[in-house]
Amino acid sequence: MRVLVLNAGSSSVKLRVVEPDDTVAHRVDLDAPRGRPAAGELEEAAARLAHEAGGVDAVGHRVVHGGADFTGPVVVGADVVGRIDRLIVLAPLHQPPAVAGLRAMTEALPDVPSVACFDTAFHATMPAAASTYAVPARWRTEYGLRRYGFHGLAHAWASARAAEIVGRPLEELRVVVAHLGSGASACAVSGGRSVDTTMGFTPTAGLVMATRCGDLDPSAVAWLSVHAGVPPAEVEHALDHASGLAALAGDPDMRHVLAAADAGDPDAVLAVDVWVHRACAQLAAMAAAAGGVDVLAFSGGVGENAPALRQRVVGGLRFLGLAVDPHADAAAVGGAEGDVSAPDAGARTVVVHAREDLVIAREVRAVLG
């Protein structure tokens, strides 16, 4: 089955034609400010790729939030699109582009079935102790307030690929995945199943990100609205769009922040320090949730391409038996994968190239095949 994979992010849209042997035969990346390409551009690109590939059998969509309803991939119909659309309030950066992509493929390839694959689905295996918030029962039952977790497609791939790299069955490993990019989260994977993760009800929680704040005292939000008089809409916008690295260093791009820190800019130095501190603390928490760590896997744009950050994070986790070989680690950039552990390390550290496209293609085949 040849699958056209559509990954609609908050700033770009990636299209990949994945052949039955999992090779990528055709690809297009579209600039999409706030997740929206130019009018008609996505439909045109999808139709062109399908034609160049000699036709596609299905379209697989990455959808960030599946809520409580979607715990696995599902064939897309009008009712499914409507249910996904209602989850926009929980993932305002990512859900609108996904819904737009679902509708665009109906226009561009009306005779080709679409399958929605959810980032939250991998975390459906989390135990209740990890997914439950200590809030009033009505909030949990009527409003669905719980930890859903995100980046599930990336965590599923990284944990499985990490097992391949170290040459051990995934079922016997405790893997901590650090998926680090403009959006970032960590996940505890035990026996191939997600048992905890750092993101929560929305993709704002957890690690420091490009424009998202990560973990924040919930009473701070109430205080800003009630006592400081900041309008709730302004608070909501700031936490997702004007926090994180952008707030600390004035730039959301970690490459620029690292360069500024190296040049001695105090705001950039603080931003990196905060980022590393939060990463160390939350990766250690994931190791605790998994009952220990056999492998730490870095993935994502930052995780794959910032050896200096990896070395600082692993240095802060040395008490878990982790250590890297600086030379091997420095070579693991630009899509290169491998075990970068120091020879005497008690647990392994690997770098994994994120491949959500292959996970999506395989889920599509499982649903339709």
Protein backbone atom coordinates (compact mmCIF):
# COMPACT_ATOMS: atom_id res chain seq x y z
CA MET A 1 0.00 0.00 0.00
CA ARG A 2 1.43 3.36 -1.08
CA VAL A 3 0.57 6.02 1.50
CA LEU A 4 0.68 9.79 1.23
CA VAL A 5 1.56 11.03 4.72
CA LEU A 6 0.50 14.55 5.69
CA ASN A 7 2.13 16.03 8.79
CA ALA A 8 0.59 19.44 9.42
CA GLY A 9 2.60 21.29 12.06
CA SER A 10 2.29 24.71 13.60
CA SER A 11 4.68 26.33 11.08
CA SER A 12 5.05 23.87 8.18
CA VAL A 13 3.29 21.09 6.34
CA LYS A 14 5.26 18.01 5.29
CA LEU A 15 4.05 15.65 2.59
CA ARG A 16 5.70 12.26 2.03
CA VAL A 17 4.84 9.39 -0.29
CA VAL A 18 5.79 6.21 1.58
CA GLU A 19 6.15 3.14 -0.62
CA PRO A 20 5.14 -0.37 0.52
CA ASP A 21 8.77 -1.07 1.51
CA ASP A 22 8.79 2.09 3.70
CA THR A 23 11.06 4.07 1.38
CA VAL A 24 10.08 7.69 0.78
CA ALA A 25 9.78 8.21 -2.97
CA HIS A 26 8.46 11.77 -3.11
CA ARG A 27 8.41 14.66 -0.65
CA VAL A 28 7.35 18.28 -0.37
CA ASP A 29 7.69 20.71 2.55
CA LEU A 30 5.41 23.74 2.53
CA ASP A 31 5.88 26.89 4.55
CA ALA A 32 2.75 27.34 6.61
CA PRO A 33 2.76 30.34 8.95
CA ARG A 34 0.50 29.45 11.90
CA GLY A 35 -0.07 26.08 10.24
CA ARG A 36 -1.77 27.40 7.10
CA PRO A 37 -0.12 27.20 3.65
CA ALA A 38 -1.18 29.60 0.92
CA ALA A 39 -4.70 29.03 -0.41
CA GLY A 40 -4.82 25.98 -2.66
CA GLU A 41 -1.13 25.20 -2.19
CA LEU A 42 -1.67 22.04 -0.12
CA GLU A 43 -4.29 20.60 -2.46
CA GLU A 44 -2.06 21.29 -5.48
CA ALA A 45 1.02 19.74 -3.85
CA ALA A 46 -0.88 16.61 -2.77
CA ALA A 47 -2.39 16.08 -6.21
CA ARG A 48 1.02 16.59 -7.84
CA LEU A 49 2.77 14.12 -5.53
CA ALA A 50 0.05 11.51 -6.05
CA HIS A 51 0.41 11.90 -9.81
CA GLU A 52 4.21 11.67 -9.70
CA ALA A 53 3.97 8.52 -7.59
CA GLY A 54 1.60 6.85 -10.03
CA GLY A 55 -1.27 7.14 -7.57
CA VAL A 56 -1.61 6.59 -3.84
CA ASP A 57 -3.79 4.09 -2.00
CA ALA A 58 -4.44 6.11 1.14
CA VAL A 59 -3.62 9.32 2.97
CA GLY A 60 -2.37 9.24 6.55
CA HIS A 61 -2.78 12.36 8.70
CA ARG A 62 -0.92 13.26 11.86
CA VAL A 63 -3.46 14.68 14.33
CA VAL A 64 -2.10 15.99 17.61
CA HIS A 65 -5.13 15.62 19.89
CA GLY A 66 -7.55 12.70 19.89
CA GLY A 67 -9.15 13.48 23.24
CA ALA A 68 -10.77 10.58 25.07
CA ASP A 69 -12.57 9.32 21.94
CA PHE A 70 -9.66 8.38 19.70
CA THR A 71 -7.19 5.89 21.18
CA GLY A 72 -6.05 4.50 17.84
CA PRO A 73 -6.04 5.36 14.12
CA VAL A 74 -9.43 5.79 12.48
CA VAL A 75 -10.80 6.06 8.93
CA VAL A 76 -11.87 9.65 8.33
CA GLY A 77 -15.48 10.58 7.62
CA ALA A 78 -17.45 13.78 8.11
CA ASP A 79 -18.33 12.82 11.69
CA VAL A 80 -14.68 12.17 12.54
CA VAL A 81 -13.59 15.54 11.18
CA GLY A 82 -16.26 17.25 13.26
CA ARG A 83 -15.15 15.47 16.43
CA ILE A 84 -11.51 16.36 15.78
CA ASP A 85 -12.50 19.96 15.06
CA ARG A 86 -14.12 20.24 18.50
CA LEU A 87 -10.73 19.51 20.10
CA ILE A 88 -9.15 22.69 18.68
CA VAL A 89 -9.49 24.46 22.03
CA LEU A 90 -7.17 21.85 23.59
CA ALA A 91 -4.39 22.17 20.99
CA PRO A 92 -4.76 25.60 19.36
CA LEU A 93 -1.35 25.55 17.66
CA HIS A 94 -1.71 22.14 16.01
CA GLN A 95 -5.33 21.05 15.70
CA PRO A 96 -6.45 23.73 13.18
CA PRO A 97 -3.76 22.75 10.61
CA ALA A 98 -4.70 19.08 11.02
CA VAL A 99 -8.39 19.79 10.44
CA ALA A 100 -7.51 21.95 7.43
CA GLY A 101 -5.38 19.10 6.07
CA LEU A 102 -8.18 16.58 6.48
CA ARG A 103 -10.54 18.81 4.54
CA ALA A 104 -7.93 19.66 1.90
CA MET A 105 -7.35 15.97 1.09
CA THR A 106 -11.08 15.45 0.63
CA GLU A 107 -10.88 18.16 -2.03
CA ALA A 108 -7.62 17.07 -3.67
CA LEU A 109 -8.05 13.26 -3.55
CA PRO A 110 -11.77 12.60 -3.07
CA ASP A 111 -11.56 8.91 -4.02
CA VAL A 112 -8.62 8.08 -1.72
CA PRO A 113 -9.40 7.03 1.88
CA SER A 114 -7.89 9.08 4.68
CA VAL A 115 -6.83 7.76 8.09
CA ALA A 116 -6.26 9.99 11.13
CA CYS A 117 -3.35 8.94 13.37
CA PHE A 118 -3.26 10.55 16.78
CA ASP A 119 -0.29 11.71 18.86
CA THR A 120 -2.30 11.09 22.02
CA ALA A 121 -3.08 7.45 21.19
CA PHE A 122 0.32 6.04 22.21
CA HIS A 123 -0.26 7.35 25.73
CA ALA A 124 -3.62 5.60 26.14
CA THR A 125 -1.67 2.84 27.93
CA MET A 126 -0.63 5.14 30.78
CA PRO A 127 -1.86 3.87 34.15
CA ALA A 128 -4.51 5.89 35.93
CA ALA A 129 -1.94 7.03 38.48
CA ALA A 130 -0.05 8.81 35.68
CA SER A 131 -3.01 10.18 33.72
CA THR A 132 -5.24 11.39 36.58
CA TYR A 133 -5.17 14.95 37.91
CA ALA A 134 -6.02 15.55 41.57
CA VAL A 135 -8.92 17.88 40.77
CA PRO A 136 -12.67 17.72 41.51
CA ALA A 137 -14.44 14.66 40.09
CA ARG A 138 -16.79 16.81 38.01
CA TRP A 139 -13.85 18.35 36.16
CA ARG A 140 -12.53 14.89 35.38
CA THR A 141 -15.83 13.33 34.32
CA GLU A 142 -17.70 16.19 32.64
CA TYR A 143 -14.78 18.12 31.16
CA GLY A 144 -12.37 15.26 30.53
CA LEU A 145 -9.59 16.94 32.49
CA ARG A 146 -6.69 14.45 32.51
CA ARG A 147 -3.17 13.99 31.19
CA TYR A 148 -3.39 12.92 27.55
CA GLY A 149 0.23 13.31 26.46
CA PHE A 150 1.43 14.17 22.95
CA HIS A 151 4.22 13.41 20.45
CA GLY A 152 3.06 9.80 20.70
CA LEU A 153 3.95 8.94 17.11
CA ALA A 154 7.48 10.24 17.65
CA HIS A 155 7.84 8.48 21.02
CA ALA A 156 6.63 5.19 19.54
CA TRP A 157 9.20 5.38 16.76
CA ALA A 158 12.09 6.56 18.93
CA SER A 159 11.63 3.87 21.57
CA ALA A 160 11.41 1.09 18.98
CA ARG A 161 14.36 2.42 17.01
CA ALA A 162 16.41 2.83 20.21
CA ALA A 163 15.90 -0.86 20.94
CA GLU A 164 17.16 -1.71 17.44
CA ILE A 165 20.25 0.46 17.90
CA VAL A 166 21.25 -1.19 21.18
CA GLY A 167 20.34 -4.64 19.85
CA ARG A 168 17.81 -5.63 22.51
CA PRO A 169 14.08 -6.44 22.40
CA LEU A 170 11.93 -3.41 23.12
CA GLU A 171 9.74 -5.53 25.39
CA GLU A 172 12.55 -5.93 27.94
CA LEU A 173 13.73 -2.31 27.97
CA ARG A 174 12.99 0.80 29.99
CA VAL A 175 13.40 3.62 27.48
CA VAL A 176 13.21 7.33 28.26
CA VAL A 177 12.60 9.35 25.11
CA ALA A 178 13.54 13.03 24.91
CA HIS A 179 11.75 14.39 21.84
CA LEU A 180 13.17 17.90 21.68
CA GLY A 181 12.22 20.47 19.09
CA SER A 182 10.18 23.66 18.95
CA GLY A 183 7.68 21.49 20.77
CA ALA A 184 9.25 19.13 23.28
CA SER A 185 8.24 16.31 25.56
CA ALA A 186 9.72 13.33 27.37
CA CYS A 187 8.16 9.91 27.70
CA ALA A 188 8.72 6.85 29.87
CA VAL A 189 8.35 3.67 27.80
CA SER A 190 8.38 0.35 29.65
CA GLY A 191 8.06 -2.87 27.67
CA GLY A 192 7.08 -0.86 24.59
CA ARG A 193 4.20 0.93 26.33
CA SER A 194 3.94 4.55 27.43
CA VAL A 195 3.69 4.72 31.21
CA ASP A 196 4.16 8.46 31.70
CA THR A 197 4.90 11.64 29.78
CA THR A 198 5.57 15.30 30.47
CA MET A 199 2.81 16.94 28.44
CA GLY A 200 -0.67 16.90 29.91
CA PHE A 201 -4.20 18.05 29.10
CA THR A 202 -2.74 20.23 26.34
CA PRO A 203 0.68 20.38 24.60
CA THR A 204 1.68 23.39 26.74
CA ALA A 205 2.86 21.45 29.81
CA GLY A 206 6.24 19.93 30.61
CA LEU A 207 9.54 21.03 29.14
CA VAL A 208 10.50 24.56 28.06
CA MET A 209 9.73 24.94 24.35
CA ALA A 210 10.19 27.51 21.61
CA THR A 211 7.13 29.62 22.48
CA ARG A 212 5.38 27.46 25.11
CA CYS A 213 6.09 27.84 28.81
CA GLY A 214 6.03 24.23 29.92
CA ASP A 215 5.11 23.50 33.53
CA LEU A 216 3.72 26.45 35.45
CA ASP A 217 2.05 26.80 38.84
CA PRO A 218 -1.67 26.75 37.91
CA SER A 219 -2.38 29.36 40.57
CA ALA A 220 -0.12 31.76 38.68
CA VAL A 221 -2.65 31.75 35.83
CA ALA A 222 -5.52 32.49 38.22
CA TRP A 223 -3.48 35.21 39.93
CA LEU A 224 -2.68 36.93 36.62
CA SER A 225 -6.37 37.03 35.68
CA VAL A 226 -7.94 37.76 39.06
CA HIS A 227 -5.38 39.94 40.82
CA ALA A 228 -3.21 41.43 38.07
CA GLY A 229 -6.14 42.05 35.75
CA VAL A 230 -4.59 40.37 32.71
CA PRO A 231 -7.41 39.28 30.37
CA PRO A 232 -7.74 35.47 30.19
CA ALA A 233 -7.35 35.54 26.40
CA GLU A 234 -4.05 37.38 26.77
CA VAL A 235 -2.80 34.85 29.32
CA GLU A 236 -3.83 31.95 27.09
CA HIS A 237 -2.10 33.46 24.06
CA ALA A 238 1.09 34.26 25.99
CA LEU A 239 1.50 30.75 27.41
CA ASP A 240 1.42 29.18 23.94
CA HIS A 241 2.79 31.90 21.66
CA ALA A 242 4.99 34.25 23.68
CA SER A 243 6.67 32.13 26.35
CA GLY A 244 9.49 29.57 26.36
CA LEU A 245 12.73 30.50 24.64
CA ALA A 246 11.03 33.44 22.96
CA ALA A 247 10.23 34.96 26.36
CA LEU A 248 13.57 34.19 27.99
CA ALA A 249 15.97 34.95 25.15
CA GLY A 250 13.88 36.96 22.69
CA ASP A 251 14.17 34.25 20.03
CA PRO A 252 12.28 30.93 19.72
CA ASP A 253 15.00 29.20 17.67
CA MET A 254 17.37 27.17 19.84
CA ARG A 255 20.16 27.51 17.25
CA HIS A 256 20.08 31.28 17.61
CA VAL A 257 19.79 31.07 21.39
CA LEU A 258 22.85 28.79 21.63
CA ALA A 259 24.87 31.12 19.41
CA ALA A 260 23.89 34.10 21.53
CA ALA A 261 24.74 32.21 24.72
CA ASP A 262 28.16 31.30 23.32
CA ALA A 263 28.67 35.01 22.63
CA GLY A 264 27.91 35.80 26.27
CA ASP A 265 24.40 37.20 26.00
CA PRO A 266 23.04 36.94 29.59
CA ASP A 267 19.42 36.37 28.56
CA ALA A 268 20.44 33.56 26.23
CA VAL A 269 22.67 32.00 28.90
CA LEU A 270 19.76 32.02 31.34
CA ALA A 271 17.41 30.57 28.73
CA VAL A 272 19.74 27.64 28.06
CA ASP A 273 20.26 27.07 31.78
CA VAL A 274 16.51 27.01 32.42
CA TRP A 275 15.97 24.69 29.44
CA VAL A 276 18.66 22.25 30.62
CA HIS A 277 17.49 22.35 34.26
CA ARG A 278 13.92 21.51 33.27
CA ALA A 279 15.07 18.78 30.87
CA CYS A 280 17.22 17.07 33.50
CA ALA A 281 14.49 17.18 36.15
CA GLN A 282 11.75 15.83 33.91
CA LEU A 283 13.85 13.15 32.23
CA ALA A 284 14.78 11.93 35.72
CA ALA A 285 11.06 11.86 36.57
CA MET A 286 10.41 9.72 33.48
CA ALA A 287 13.16 7.31 34.55
CA ALA A 288 11.42 7.02 37.93
CA ALA A 289 8.09 6.30 36.24
CA ALA A 290 9.69 3.54 34.15
CA GLY A 291 11.36 2.02 37.20
CA GLY A 292 14.81 2.92 35.91
CA VAL A 293 16.40 3.55 32.55
CA ASP A 294 18.19 1.21 30.18
CA VAL A 295 18.25 3.61 27.21
CA LEU A 296 17.89 7.38 26.87
CA ALA A 297 16.88 8.31 23.31
CA PHE A 298 17.20 11.83 21.92
CA SER A 299 15.12 12.80 18.88
CA GLY A 300 13.57 15.89 17.28
CA GLY A 301 15.22 18.89 15.67
CA VAL A 302 17.03 20.00 18.82
CA GLY A 303 17.56 16.52 20.22
CA GLU A 304 19.18 15.33 16.99
CA ASN A 305 21.31 18.37 16.21
CA ALA A 306 22.60 19.93 19.44
CA PRO A 307 25.39 17.75 20.87
CA ALA A 308 26.37 20.42 23.41
CA LEU A 309 22.87 20.34 24.89
CA ARG A 310 22.76 16.55 24.89
CA GLN A 311 26.05 16.45 26.78
CA ARG A 312 24.83 18.95 29.36
CA VAL A 313 21.60 17.03 29.90
CA VAL A 314 23.32 13.65 30.16
CA GLY A 315 25.88 15.19 32.49
CA GLY A 316 23.03 16.17 34.79
CA LEU A 317 21.72 12.59 34.70
CA ARG A 318 25.01 10.85 35.44
CA PHE A 319 23.53 9.48 38.68
CA LEU A 320 21.30 7.28 36.48
CA GLY A 321 24.37 5.62 34.95
CA LEU A 322 24.27 7.71 31.78
CA ALA A 323 27.38 9.13 30.10
CA VAL A 324 28.25 10.00 26.51
CA ASP A 325 31.38 9.77 24.40
CA PRO A 326 31.90 13.41 23.26
CA HIS A 327 33.39 12.39 19.91
CA ALA A 328 30.59 9.96 19.04
CA ASP A 329 28.02 12.45 20.24
CA ALA A 330 29.44 15.28 18.15
CA ALA A 331 29.17 13.11 15.04
CA ALA A 332 25.48 12.31 15.61
CA VAL A 333 23.92 15.28 13.80
CA GLY A 334 22.05 15.94 10.57
CA GLY A 335 20.01 12.74 10.67
CA ALA A 336 22.86 10.48 11.77
CA GLU A 337 21.79 7.88 14.32
CA GLY A 338 23.67 5.73 16.76
CA ASP A 339 24.78 4.79 20.24
CA VAL A 340 26.76 7.73 21.65
CA SER A 341 27.34 6.24 25.09
CA ALA A 342 30.66 6.35 26.89
CA PRO A 343 32.28 2.88 27.08
CA ASP A 344 31.82 2.66 30.85
CA ALA A 345 28.22 3.92 30.96
CA GLY A 346 25.77 1.79 32.89
CA ALA A 347 22.87 2.80 30.63
CA ARG A 348 22.91 3.62 26.94
CA THR A 349 22.36 6.98 25.25
CA VAL A 350 21.28 6.97 21.60
CA VAL A 351 20.35 9.53 18.97
CA VAL A 352 17.35 8.64 16.82
CA HIS A 353 16.15 10.36 13.65
CA ALA A 354 12.43 11.10 14.12
CA ARG A 355 10.26 9.27 11.57
CA GLU A 356 6.61 9.87 12.34
CA ASP A 357 5.93 9.35 8.63
CA LEU A 358 6.76 5.64 8.86
CA VAL A 359 4.65 5.15 11.98
CA ILE A 360 1.71 6.85 10.27
CA ALA A 361 2.11 4.77 7.09
CA ARG A 362 2.18 1.55 9.12
CA GLU A 363 -0.90 2.56 11.11
CA VAL A 364 -2.74 3.36 7.88
CA ARG A 365 -1.93 -0.08 6.46
CA ALA A 366 -3.03 -1.75 9.70
CA VAL A 367 -6.41 0.01 9.59
CA LEU A 368 -7.12 -0.42 5.88
CA GLY A 369 -5.23 -3.60 5.08
